[in-house]
N, C-alpha and C. Protein backbone atom coordinates (compact mmCIF):
# COMPACT_ATOMS: atom_id res chain seq x y z
N MET A 1 120.41 115.16 102.71
CA MET A 1 120.86 115.23 101.35
C MET A 1 121.52 116.58 101.07
N ALA A 2 120.90 117.65 101.57
CA ALA A 2 121.44 118.98 101.32
C ALA A 2 122.83 119.12 101.95
N PHE A 3 122.99 118.54 103.14
CA PHE A 3 124.30 118.61 103.81
C PHE A 3 125.37 117.92 102.97
N VAL A 4 125.05 116.75 102.45
CA VAL A 4 126.02 116.00 101.64
C VAL A 4 126.33 116.79 100.37
N ASP A 5 125.31 117.39 99.76
CA ASP A 5 125.53 118.19 98.55
C ASP A 5 126.43 119.40 98.85
N GLN A 6 126.21 120.03 100.00
CA GLN A 6 127.05 121.17 100.38
C GLN A 6 128.50 120.74 100.58
N MET A 7 128.70 119.61 101.24
CA MET A 7 130.06 119.13 101.49
C MET A 7 130.74 118.71 100.18
N LYS A 8 129.98 118.12 99.27
CA LYS A 8 130.55 117.75 97.96
C LYS A 8 130.94 119.00 97.19
N ALA A 9 130.14 120.07 97.30
CA ALA A 9 130.45 121.32 96.60
C ALA A 9 131.74 121.95 97.12
N VAL A 10 132.02 121.76 98.40
CA VAL A 10 133.25 122.29 99.00
C VAL A 10 134.46 121.46 98.56
N GLY A 11 134.23 120.19 98.17
CA GLY A 11 135.32 119.36 97.70
C GLY A 11 135.56 118.10 98.49
N HIS A 12 134.71 117.79 99.45
CA HIS A 12 134.86 116.58 100.25
C HIS A 12 134.32 115.37 99.47
N ALA A 13 134.94 114.23 99.68
CA ALA A 13 134.48 112.99 99.05
C ALA A 13 133.27 112.44 99.81
N VAL A 14 132.41 111.74 99.09
CA VAL A 14 131.19 111.20 99.69
C VAL A 14 131.52 110.24 100.83
N GLU A 15 132.52 109.38 100.62
CA GLU A 15 132.86 108.40 101.65
C GLU A 15 133.32 109.06 102.94
N SER A 16 134.12 110.12 102.83
CA SER A 16 134.58 110.80 104.05
C SER A 16 133.42 111.51 104.75
N ILE A 17 132.49 112.05 103.99
CA ILE A 17 131.31 112.69 104.59
C ILE A 17 130.50 111.64 105.34
N LEU A 18 130.32 110.48 104.73
CA LEU A 18 129.53 109.43 105.35
C LEU A 18 130.23 108.85 106.58
N MET A 19 131.56 108.78 106.55
CA MET A 19 132.29 108.32 107.74
C MET A 19 132.03 109.27 108.91
N ALA A 20 132.05 110.57 108.63
CA ALA A 20 131.79 111.55 109.68
C ALA A 20 130.35 111.42 110.19
N LEU A 21 129.41 111.22 109.29
CA LEU A 21 128.01 111.05 109.69
C LEU A 21 127.83 109.77 110.51
N ASN A 22 128.51 108.70 110.12
CA ASN A 22 128.43 107.44 110.86
C ASN A 22 128.98 107.60 112.28
N GLN A 23 130.07 108.34 112.42
CA GLN A 23 130.63 108.58 113.75
C GLN A 23 129.68 109.43 114.60
N ALA A 24 128.89 110.28 113.93
CA ALA A 24 127.92 111.12 114.66
C ALA A 24 126.64 110.36 114.99
N GLY A 25 126.52 109.13 114.49
CA GLY A 25 125.36 108.31 114.83
C GLY A 25 124.38 108.09 113.69
N LEU A 26 124.60 108.71 112.54
CA LEU A 26 123.72 108.52 111.39
C LEU A 26 124.33 107.46 110.49
N LYS A 27 123.74 106.28 110.48
CA LYS A 27 124.29 105.16 109.72
C LYS A 27 123.74 105.18 108.29
N VAL A 28 124.59 105.54 107.35
CA VAL A 28 124.22 105.58 105.94
C VAL A 28 125.36 104.98 105.14
N ALA A 29 125.01 104.06 104.24
CA ALA A 29 126.02 103.47 103.36
C ALA A 29 126.12 104.31 102.09
N ALA A 30 127.27 104.30 101.47
CA ALA A 30 127.49 105.10 100.26
C ALA A 30 126.55 104.68 99.14
N ARG A 31 126.34 103.38 98.99
CA ARG A 31 125.46 102.91 97.91
C ARG A 31 124.02 103.36 98.14
N ASN A 32 123.59 103.42 99.42
CA ASN A 32 122.24 103.92 99.70
C ASN A 32 122.12 105.39 99.33
N LEU A 33 123.13 106.17 99.67
CA LEU A 33 123.11 107.59 99.35
C LEU A 33 123.07 107.79 97.84
N ARG A 34 123.86 107.02 97.11
CA ARG A 34 123.86 107.14 95.65
C ARG A 34 122.50 106.77 95.06
N THR A 35 121.85 105.76 95.64
CA THR A 35 120.53 105.37 95.17
C THR A 35 119.51 106.46 95.45
N TRP A 36 119.57 107.05 96.63
CA TRP A 36 118.62 108.10 96.99
C TRP A 36 118.80 109.33 96.09
N CYS A 37 120.06 109.64 95.75
CA CYS A 37 120.35 110.84 94.97
C CYS A 37 120.21 110.62 93.47
N ALA A 38 120.12 109.38 93.03
CA ALA A 38 120.04 109.10 91.60
C ALA A 38 118.74 109.65 91.03
N PRO A 39 118.78 110.16 89.79
CA PRO A 39 117.54 110.65 89.19
C PRO A 39 116.57 109.49 88.98
N ALA A 40 115.30 109.79 89.04
CA ALA A 40 114.28 108.75 88.87
C ALA A 40 114.36 108.21 87.45
N SER A 41 114.47 106.92 87.34
CA SER A 41 114.51 106.26 86.04
C SER A 41 113.86 104.90 86.19
N GLY A 42 113.85 104.14 85.14
CA GLY A 42 113.25 102.82 85.18
C GLY A 42 114.00 101.85 86.08
N THR A 43 115.28 102.13 86.34
CA THR A 43 116.07 101.18 87.12
C THR A 43 115.86 101.32 88.62
N ASN A 44 115.50 102.52 89.11
CA ASN A 44 115.35 102.66 90.55
C ASN A 44 113.92 102.99 90.96
N GLY A 45 112.97 102.82 90.08
CA GLY A 45 111.57 103.05 90.41
C GLY A 45 110.93 101.78 90.93
N PRO A 46 109.65 101.85 91.23
CA PRO A 46 108.96 100.65 91.71
C PRO A 46 108.83 99.61 90.60
N ALA A 47 108.75 98.36 90.98
CA ALA A 47 108.60 97.29 90.01
C ALA A 47 107.23 97.38 89.34
N ALA A 48 107.15 96.89 88.12
CA ALA A 48 105.89 96.92 87.37
C ALA A 48 104.81 96.14 88.10
N ARG A 49 105.18 95.02 88.73
CA ARG A 49 104.21 94.21 89.45
C ARG A 49 103.65 94.97 90.66
N THR A 50 104.49 95.74 91.33
CA THR A 50 104.04 96.54 92.46
C THR A 50 103.02 97.58 92.02
N VAL A 51 103.29 98.21 90.89
CA VAL A 51 102.37 99.22 90.36
C VAL A 51 101.05 98.58 89.95
N SER A 52 101.11 97.45 89.24
CA SER A 52 99.87 96.81 88.81
C SER A 52 99.07 96.29 90.00
N ASP A 53 99.74 95.76 91.02
CA ASP A 53 99.04 95.31 92.23
C ASP A 53 98.34 96.47 92.93
N ALA A 54 99.01 97.62 92.98
CA ALA A 54 98.40 98.79 93.62
C ALA A 54 97.16 99.24 92.86
N LEU A 55 97.22 99.19 91.53
CA LEU A 55 96.05 99.57 90.73
C LEU A 55 94.89 98.60 90.95
N VAL A 56 95.20 97.31 91.02
CA VAL A 56 94.15 96.31 91.25
C VAL A 56 93.56 96.48 92.65
N GLU A 57 94.39 96.70 93.66
CA GLU A 57 93.88 96.91 95.02
C GLU A 57 92.98 98.13 95.08
N ASP A 58 93.36 99.18 94.38
CA ASP A 58 92.53 100.38 94.36
C ASP A 58 91.19 100.10 93.70
N ALA A 59 91.20 99.33 92.62
CA ALA A 59 89.95 98.98 91.95
C ALA A 59 89.08 98.09 92.84
N VAL A 60 89.69 97.16 93.57
CA VAL A 60 88.93 96.29 94.48
C VAL A 60 88.31 97.12 95.59
N ARG A 61 89.07 98.06 96.15
CA ARG A 61 88.52 98.93 97.19
C ARG A 61 87.35 99.75 96.65
N HIS A 62 87.51 100.24 95.41
CA HIS A 62 86.45 101.04 94.80
C HIS A 62 85.17 100.22 94.62
N LEU A 63 85.32 98.95 94.26
CA LEU A 63 84.16 98.07 94.09
C LEU A 63 83.58 97.63 95.43
N ALA A 64 84.42 97.42 96.42
CA ALA A 64 83.98 96.83 97.68
C ALA A 64 83.31 97.83 98.62
N PHE A 65 83.55 99.11 98.42
CA PHE A 65 82.99 100.11 99.33
C PHE A 65 82.18 101.14 98.56
N THR A 66 81.23 101.73 99.24
CA THR A 66 80.43 102.82 98.69
C THR A 66 80.25 103.86 99.79
N THR A 67 79.76 105.02 99.42
CA THR A 67 79.52 106.08 100.39
C THR A 67 78.02 106.22 100.62
N ASN A 68 77.60 106.20 101.87
CA ASN A 68 76.16 106.31 102.17
C ASN A 68 75.75 107.78 102.21
N ALA A 69 74.48 108.03 102.53
CA ALA A 69 73.94 109.39 102.54
C ALA A 69 74.62 110.27 103.58
N ALA A 70 75.12 109.67 104.65
CA ALA A 70 75.80 110.44 105.70
C ALA A 70 77.26 110.73 105.35
N GLY A 71 77.72 110.24 104.22
CA GLY A 71 79.10 110.47 103.81
C GLY A 71 80.10 109.49 104.38
N GLN A 72 79.62 108.38 104.95
CA GLN A 72 80.50 107.38 105.53
C GLN A 72 80.78 106.29 104.50
N ARG A 73 82.00 105.74 104.57
CA ARG A 73 82.34 104.60 103.71
C ARG A 73 81.77 103.34 104.32
N VAL A 74 80.97 102.63 103.55
CA VAL A 74 80.37 101.38 104.02
C VAL A 74 80.63 100.30 102.99
N LEU A 75 80.57 99.07 103.46
CA LEU A 75 80.79 97.93 102.58
C LEU A 75 79.64 97.80 101.60
N ALA A 76 79.96 97.73 100.32
CA ALA A 76 78.95 97.54 99.28
C ALA A 76 78.62 96.06 99.18
N PRO A 77 77.51 95.70 98.52
CA PRO A 77 77.21 94.28 98.34
C PRO A 77 78.34 93.53 97.64
N GLU A 78 79.02 94.20 96.71
CA GLU A 78 80.15 93.56 96.02
C GLU A 78 81.31 93.29 96.96
N GLY A 79 81.37 93.97 98.10
CA GLY A 79 82.42 93.76 99.07
C GLY A 79 82.35 92.40 99.73
N LEU A 80 81.20 91.75 99.62
CA LEU A 80 81.04 90.41 100.19
C LEU A 80 81.40 89.32 99.19
N TYR A 81 81.70 89.72 97.97
CA TYR A 81 82.03 88.74 96.93
C TYR A 81 83.28 87.96 97.31
N GLY A 82 83.32 86.73 96.90
CA GLY A 82 84.52 85.93 97.03
C GLY A 82 85.46 86.20 95.87
N ARG A 83 86.56 85.49 95.85
CA ARG A 83 87.57 85.71 94.81
C ARG A 83 87.03 85.44 93.42
N ARG A 84 86.26 84.38 93.24
CA ARG A 84 85.78 84.03 91.90
C ARG A 84 84.81 85.08 91.36
N LYS A 85 83.89 85.54 92.21
CA LYS A 85 82.96 86.56 91.74
C LYS A 85 83.68 87.88 91.48
N MET A 86 84.66 88.19 92.33
CA MET A 86 85.42 89.42 92.12
C MET A 86 86.21 89.33 90.82
N LEU A 87 86.76 88.14 90.53
CA LEU A 87 87.46 87.94 89.25
C LEU A 87 86.51 88.15 88.08
N ALA A 88 85.27 87.69 88.22
CA ALA A 88 84.30 87.86 87.14
C ALA A 88 83.89 89.32 86.99
N LEU A 89 83.85 90.06 88.08
CA LEU A 89 83.43 91.45 88.05
C LEU A 89 84.54 92.39 87.57
N MET A 90 85.77 92.09 87.90
CA MET A 90 86.88 93.00 87.62
C MET A 90 87.12 93.29 86.15
N PRO A 91 87.07 92.33 85.23
CA PRO A 91 87.36 92.67 83.84
C PRO A 91 86.43 93.74 83.27
N ASP A 92 85.21 93.82 83.79
CA ASP A 92 84.29 94.85 83.33
C ASP A 92 84.72 96.24 83.80
N ARG A 93 85.39 96.30 84.94
CA ARG A 93 85.70 97.59 85.56
C ARG A 93 87.19 97.91 85.60
N HIS A 94 88.03 96.94 85.30
CA HIS A 94 89.48 97.17 85.42
C HIS A 94 90.19 96.45 84.28
N PRO A 95 91.09 97.13 83.57
CA PRO A 95 91.73 96.54 82.40
C PRO A 95 92.92 95.61 82.68
N ALA A 96 93.20 95.29 83.92
CA ALA A 96 94.36 94.45 84.25
C ALA A 96 94.16 93.03 83.74
N PRO A 97 95.25 92.34 83.43
CA PRO A 97 95.13 90.93 83.03
C PRO A 97 94.52 90.09 84.15
N ARG A 98 93.81 89.05 83.77
CA ARG A 98 93.11 88.20 84.73
C ARG A 98 94.07 87.59 85.76
N TYR A 99 95.27 87.23 85.32
CA TYR A 99 96.26 86.65 86.23
C TYR A 99 96.60 87.64 87.34
N ASP A 100 96.85 88.91 86.98
CA ASP A 100 97.20 89.91 87.99
C ASP A 100 96.07 90.11 88.98
N VAL A 101 94.85 90.16 88.48
CA VAL A 101 93.70 90.36 89.36
C VAL A 101 93.56 89.19 90.31
N GLY A 102 93.67 87.96 89.80
CA GLY A 102 93.52 86.78 90.65
C GLY A 102 94.56 86.69 91.74
N LYS A 103 95.82 86.95 91.40
CA LYS A 103 96.89 86.89 92.40
C LYS A 103 96.75 87.99 93.43
N THR A 104 96.37 89.18 92.99
CA THR A 104 96.26 90.31 93.91
C THR A 104 95.07 90.15 94.83
N VAL A 105 93.93 89.76 94.29
CA VAL A 105 92.73 89.62 95.10
C VAL A 105 92.90 88.50 96.12
N LYS A 106 93.67 87.48 95.79
CA LYS A 106 93.88 86.35 96.69
C LYS A 106 94.87 86.68 97.82
N HIS A 107 95.70 87.70 97.63
CA HIS A 107 96.76 88.03 98.58
C HIS A 107 96.18 88.57 99.89
N PRO A 108 96.69 88.11 101.05
CA PRO A 108 96.16 88.56 102.35
C PRO A 108 96.25 90.07 102.56
N GLU A 109 97.26 90.72 102.00
CA GLU A 109 97.38 92.17 102.17
C GLU A 109 96.22 92.90 101.51
N THR A 110 95.73 92.37 100.39
CA THR A 110 94.58 92.98 99.75
C THR A 110 93.35 92.84 100.63
N LEU A 111 93.21 91.69 101.27
CA LEU A 111 92.07 91.48 102.16
C LEU A 111 92.12 92.48 103.32
N LYS A 112 93.31 92.73 103.86
CA LYS A 112 93.43 93.71 104.93
C LYS A 112 93.10 95.11 104.41
N ALA A 113 93.52 95.39 103.18
CA ALA A 113 93.30 96.72 102.61
C ALA A 113 91.82 97.03 102.43
N ILE A 114 91.03 96.01 102.12
CA ILE A 114 89.60 96.27 101.93
C ILE A 114 88.80 96.00 103.19
N GLY A 115 89.49 95.72 104.30
CA GLY A 115 88.81 95.60 105.58
C GLY A 115 88.30 94.23 105.92
N ARG A 116 88.89 93.17 105.33
CA ARG A 116 88.45 91.81 105.62
C ARG A 116 89.65 90.95 106.00
N PRO A 117 90.34 91.26 107.11
CA PRO A 117 91.57 90.55 107.43
C PRO A 117 91.41 89.08 107.77
N GLY A 118 90.27 88.66 108.29
CA GLY A 118 90.11 87.27 108.69
C GLY A 118 89.59 86.37 107.60
N ARG A 119 89.20 86.93 106.48
CA ARG A 119 88.60 86.13 105.41
C ARG A 119 89.67 85.51 104.53
N SER A 120 89.43 84.33 104.10
CA SER A 120 90.31 83.67 103.14
C SER A 120 89.49 83.38 101.90
N TRP A 121 89.88 83.96 100.78
CA TRP A 121 89.11 83.77 99.56
C TRP A 121 89.58 82.51 98.93
């Protein structure tokens, strides 16, 4: 990014800079560079669903694991809960809508995140 900014300051066009970089082996499209350089706003940030899913996954991990006396992370009794029990437990501990919690807890990536890849809720 700094190299492109330096070349733009000298007066080179972005497309010509990227053509030179492409010939050198660095494949970058102009639209990708513009997206990377754009200021953070609502249009180029993460989707709202991605953020809410991450919050739900974090809450599920927090409920599913505890720390023992030795300081190790171990599965809590709630970690054995199925989807329905987890749905019943989550509204008490997490303010997300029930739909978001149900879809996220059911997703296989969430199961991998909490350490239960082979389980199907």
